[in-house]
Amino acid sequence: MHDTTQHAFSYDDKTIEHDKDVLLDHMMHQYGDGILHLAYTYVKNEATAEDLTQEIFVKSYQKLHQFKQQSSLKTWLYRIASNHCKDYVKSFHHRKMIVHDKLFDALPSATKQVEETVIQTSEEHTLANAVMHLPLKYREVIHMHYYEDMSLAEIHDVTSVNINTLKTRLKRAKDLLKQHMTNEEV
């Protein structure tokens, strides 16, 4: 999913200043679920991820005047989200919390047969569980690349991590996932 709405939703400095509410509504509608899932990859707790998502949109609203369009709106918002989540993970409050929560459940499609749905849901759960057990630096790049369909250049813009380092992290993450999934099959 590439950021195709960027072309449909035009904004300039004047729009940003005068229509902040419209722009915020657009960002929440377009990127809300992705930001929520990104936050969840950091904290592994649904309620905390929802709180962080809300804080991220408040922060982005307050900083809209700083958006200079040097990157896409999506990249700018994900940078705020990534930094906010990293700050939270480093915070004293987070270290004091005990985080045990279920992964987001995949909803089965009504058109699939029951057996296929059970198998697919089980495989998705196993994969999602494996992703959530990766170290944060791998989880982050896997989430942005595969779940948010971001290019390595976009991930670089969000995280400021060197592209070659991102390639290495992506490869190591895939190797770890493959190893975990192979062990699950045994």
Protein backbone atom coordinates (compact mmCIF):
# COMPACT_ATOMS: atom_id res chain seq x y z
CA MET A 1 0.00 0.00 0.00
CA HIS A 2 1.82 3.04 -1.18
CA ASP A 3 0.81 6.52 -0.09
CA THR A 4 -1.46 7.22 -3.05
CA THR A 5 -3.81 9.49 -1.12
CA GLN A 6 -1.04 12.05 -0.92
CA HIS A 7 -1.89 13.06 -4.45
CA ALA A 8 -5.61 13.20 -3.74
CA PHE A 9 -5.15 15.26 -0.57
CA SER A 10 -3.21 18.38 -1.45
CA TYR A 11 -1.80 20.65 1.23
CA ASP A 12 0.48 23.62 1.44
CA ASP A 13 1.66 25.89 4.25
CA LYS A 14 -1.59 27.84 4.08
CA THR A 15 -3.71 24.67 4.27
CA ILE A 16 -1.67 23.38 7.18
CA GLU A 17 -2.14 26.59 9.17
CA HIS A 18 -5.82 27.14 8.39
CA ASP A 19 -7.14 23.59 8.08
CA LYS A 20 -5.22 21.75 10.80
CA ASP A 21 -8.38 19.93 11.86
CA VAL A 22 -9.04 18.68 8.32
CA LEU A 23 -5.43 17.55 7.95
CA LEU A 24 -5.52 15.79 11.33
CA ASP A 25 -8.75 14.04 10.35
CA HIS A 26 -7.10 12.92 7.10
CA MET A 27 -4.03 11.61 8.96
CA MET A 28 -6.12 9.74 11.51
CA HIS A 29 -8.32 8.18 8.84
CA GLN A 30 -5.45 7.30 6.51
CA TYR A 31 -2.76 6.22 8.98
CA GLY A 32 -4.54 5.51 12.29
CA ASP A 33 -4.53 1.72 12.03
CA GLY A 34 -0.93 1.62 10.84
CA ILE A 35 0.24 3.86 13.68
CA LEU A 36 -1.70 1.70 16.17
CA HIS A 37 -0.03 -1.45 14.87
CA LEU A 38 3.38 0.21 14.91
CA ALA A 39 2.86 1.26 18.54
CA TYR A 40 1.77 -2.29 19.36
CA THR A 41 5.01 -3.69 17.94
CA TYR A 42 6.87 -1.59 20.49
CA VAL A 43 4.79 -2.22 23.61
CA LYS A 44 2.98 -5.54 22.97
CA ASN A 45 -0.09 -4.25 24.83
CA GLU A 46 -3.29 -3.22 23.06
CA ALA A 47 -4.46 -0.62 25.59
CA THR A 48 -1.03 0.99 25.82
CA ALA A 49 -0.73 1.01 22.02
CA GLU A 50 -4.09 2.80 21.80
CA ASP A 51 -2.93 5.39 24.34
CA LEU A 52 0.32 5.91 22.47
CA THR A 53 -1.55 6.29 19.19
CA GLN A 54 -3.71 9.00 20.70
CA GLU A 55 -0.63 10.77 22.08
CA ILE A 56 1.08 10.51 18.68
CA PHE A 57 -1.81 12.22 16.91
CA VAL A 58 -1.98 14.94 19.57
CA LYS A 59 1.76 15.50 19.18
CA SER A 60 1.53 15.56 15.37
CA TYR A 61 -1.34 18.07 15.56
CA GLN A 62 0.75 20.31 17.81
CA LYS A 63 3.73 20.03 15.45
CA LEU A 64 1.89 20.47 12.13
CA HIS A 65 3.43 23.92 11.76
CA GLN A 66 6.85 22.21 11.69
CA PHE A 67 5.92 19.98 8.73
CA LYS A 68 7.96 21.44 5.86
CA GLN A 69 7.05 18.83 3.23
CA GLN A 70 10.67 17.70 2.87
CA SER A 71 9.29 14.18 3.21
CA SER A 72 5.86 12.69 2.71
CA LEU A 73 3.19 13.26 5.34
CA LYS A 74 3.27 9.51 6.04
CA THR A 75 7.02 9.48 6.62
CA TRP A 76 6.82 12.57 8.86
CA LEU A 77 4.00 11.02 10.93
CA TYR A 78 5.75 7.65 11.24
CA ARG A 79 8.93 9.40 12.40
CA ILE A 80 6.94 11.09 15.17
CA ALA A 81 5.31 7.75 16.02
CA SER A 82 8.57 5.83 16.03
CA ASN A 83 10.34 8.40 18.22
CA HIS A 84 7.38 8.67 20.61
CA CYS A 85 7.23 4.88 21.01
CA LYS A 86 10.99 4.64 21.55
CA ASP A 87 10.79 7.35 24.20
CA TYR A 88 7.96 5.48 25.91
CA VAL A 89 9.87 2.18 25.88
CA LYS A 90 12.86 3.93 27.48
CA SER A 91 10.69 5.62 30.09
CA PHE A 92 10.53 4.62 33.74
CA HIS A 93 6.75 4.10 33.46
CA HIS A 94 7.14 1.42 30.81
CA ARG A 95 9.88 -0.43 32.67
CA LYS A 96 7.62 -0.65 35.72
CA MET A 97 4.72 -2.15 33.77
CA ILE A 98 4.22 -5.85 33.31
CA VAL A 99 3.03 -6.35 29.77
CA HIS A 100 0.97 -9.45 28.99
CA ASP A 101 -1.64 -9.06 26.29
CA LYS A 102 -2.94 -11.06 23.37
CA LEU A 103 -2.00 -10.25 19.80
CA PHE A 104 -4.58 -8.62 17.58
CA ASP A 105 -6.83 -11.45 16.41
CA ALA A 106 -7.20 -11.91 12.69
CA LEU A 107 -10.83 -11.99 11.64
CA PRO A 108 -11.65 -14.87 9.31
CA SER A 109 -13.21 -14.17 5.93
CA ALA A 110 -16.84 -15.25 5.57
CA THR A 111 -16.15 -16.87 2.18
CA LYS A 112 -13.49 -19.30 3.37
CA GLN A 113 -14.15 -22.80 4.51
CA VAL A 114 -13.88 -23.37 8.25
CA GLU A 115 -10.84 -25.65 8.05
CA GLU A 116 -8.92 -23.25 5.81
CA THR A 117 -9.79 -20.38 8.12
CA VAL A 118 -8.59 -22.27 11.20
CA ILE A 119 -5.32 -23.24 9.50
CA GLN A 120 -4.69 -19.75 8.15
CA THR A 121 -5.56 -18.11 11.48
CA SER A 122 -3.23 -20.51 13.26
CA GLU A 123 -0.40 -19.77 10.81
CA GLU A 124 -1.01 -16.01 11.05
CA HIS A 125 -1.02 -16.23 14.84
CA THR A 126 2.22 -18.24 14.81
CA LEU A 127 3.87 -15.72 12.46
CA ALA A 128 2.57 -12.71 14.41
CA ASN A 129 3.77 -14.32 17.64
CA ALA A 130 7.19 -14.96 16.09
CA VAL A 131 7.41 -11.33 14.91
CA MET A 132 6.48 -10.06 18.38
CA HIS A 133 9.29 -12.12 19.93
CA LEU A 134 11.95 -10.59 17.67
CA PRO A 135 14.23 -7.96 19.20
CA LEU A 136 12.76 -4.47 18.76
CA LYS A 137 15.20 -3.39 16.02
CA TYR A 138 14.08 -6.33 13.86
CA ARG A 139 10.40 -6.06 14.78
CA GLU A 140 10.40 -2.41 13.76
CA VAL A 141 11.84 -2.98 10.28
CA ILE A 142 9.63 -6.05 9.64
CA HIS A 143 6.52 -4.13 10.65
CA MET A 144 7.29 -1.06 8.55
CA HIS A 145 8.42 -3.03 5.50
CA TYR A 146 5.83 -5.81 5.36
CA TYR A 147 2.83 -4.54 7.31
CA GLU A 148 3.04 -0.87 6.30
CA ASP A 149 4.53 -1.56 2.86
CA MET A 150 7.25 1.04 3.35
CA SER A 151 10.38 1.00 1.20
CA LEU A 152 13.80 0.86 2.83
CA ALA A 153 14.27 4.52 1.87
CA GLU A 154 11.05 5.44 3.71
CA ILE A 155 12.10 3.38 6.74
CA HIS A 156 15.45 5.21 6.65
CA ASP A 157 13.58 8.55 6.62
CA VAL A 158 11.56 7.46 9.65
CA THR A 159 14.31 5.83 11.72
CA SER A 160 17.49 7.55 10.43
CA VAL A 161 19.11 4.10 10.30
CA ASN A 162 21.51 3.52 7.39
CA ILE A 163 19.86 1.67 4.47
CA ASN A 164 22.53 -1.07 4.47
CA THR A 165 21.90 -1.59 8.18
CA LEU A 166 18.18 -1.83 7.45
CA LYS A 167 18.85 -4.45 4.76
CA THR A 168 20.92 -6.44 7.25
CA ARG A 169 18.24 -6.16 9.93
CA LEU A 170 15.57 -7.24 7.46
CA LYS A 171 17.60 -10.28 6.39
CA ARG A 172 18.40 -11.26 9.99
CA ALA A 173 14.77 -10.81 10.98
CA LYS A 174 13.62 -13.04 8.12
CA ASP A 175 16.24 -15.65 9.07
CA LEU A 176 15.07 -15.58 12.69
CA LEU A 177 11.44 -15.87 11.61
CA LYS A 178 12.25 -18.76 9.27
CA GLN A 179 14.09 -20.51 12.10
CA HIS A 180 11.20 -19.92 14.52
CA MET A 181 8.60 -21.13 12.00
CA THR A 182 10.66 -24.25 11.20
CA ASN A 183 10.89 -25.06 14.91
CA GLU A 184 7.11 -24.61 15.23
CA GLU A 185 6.48 -27.19 12.48
CA VAL A 186 8.56 -29.86 14.21
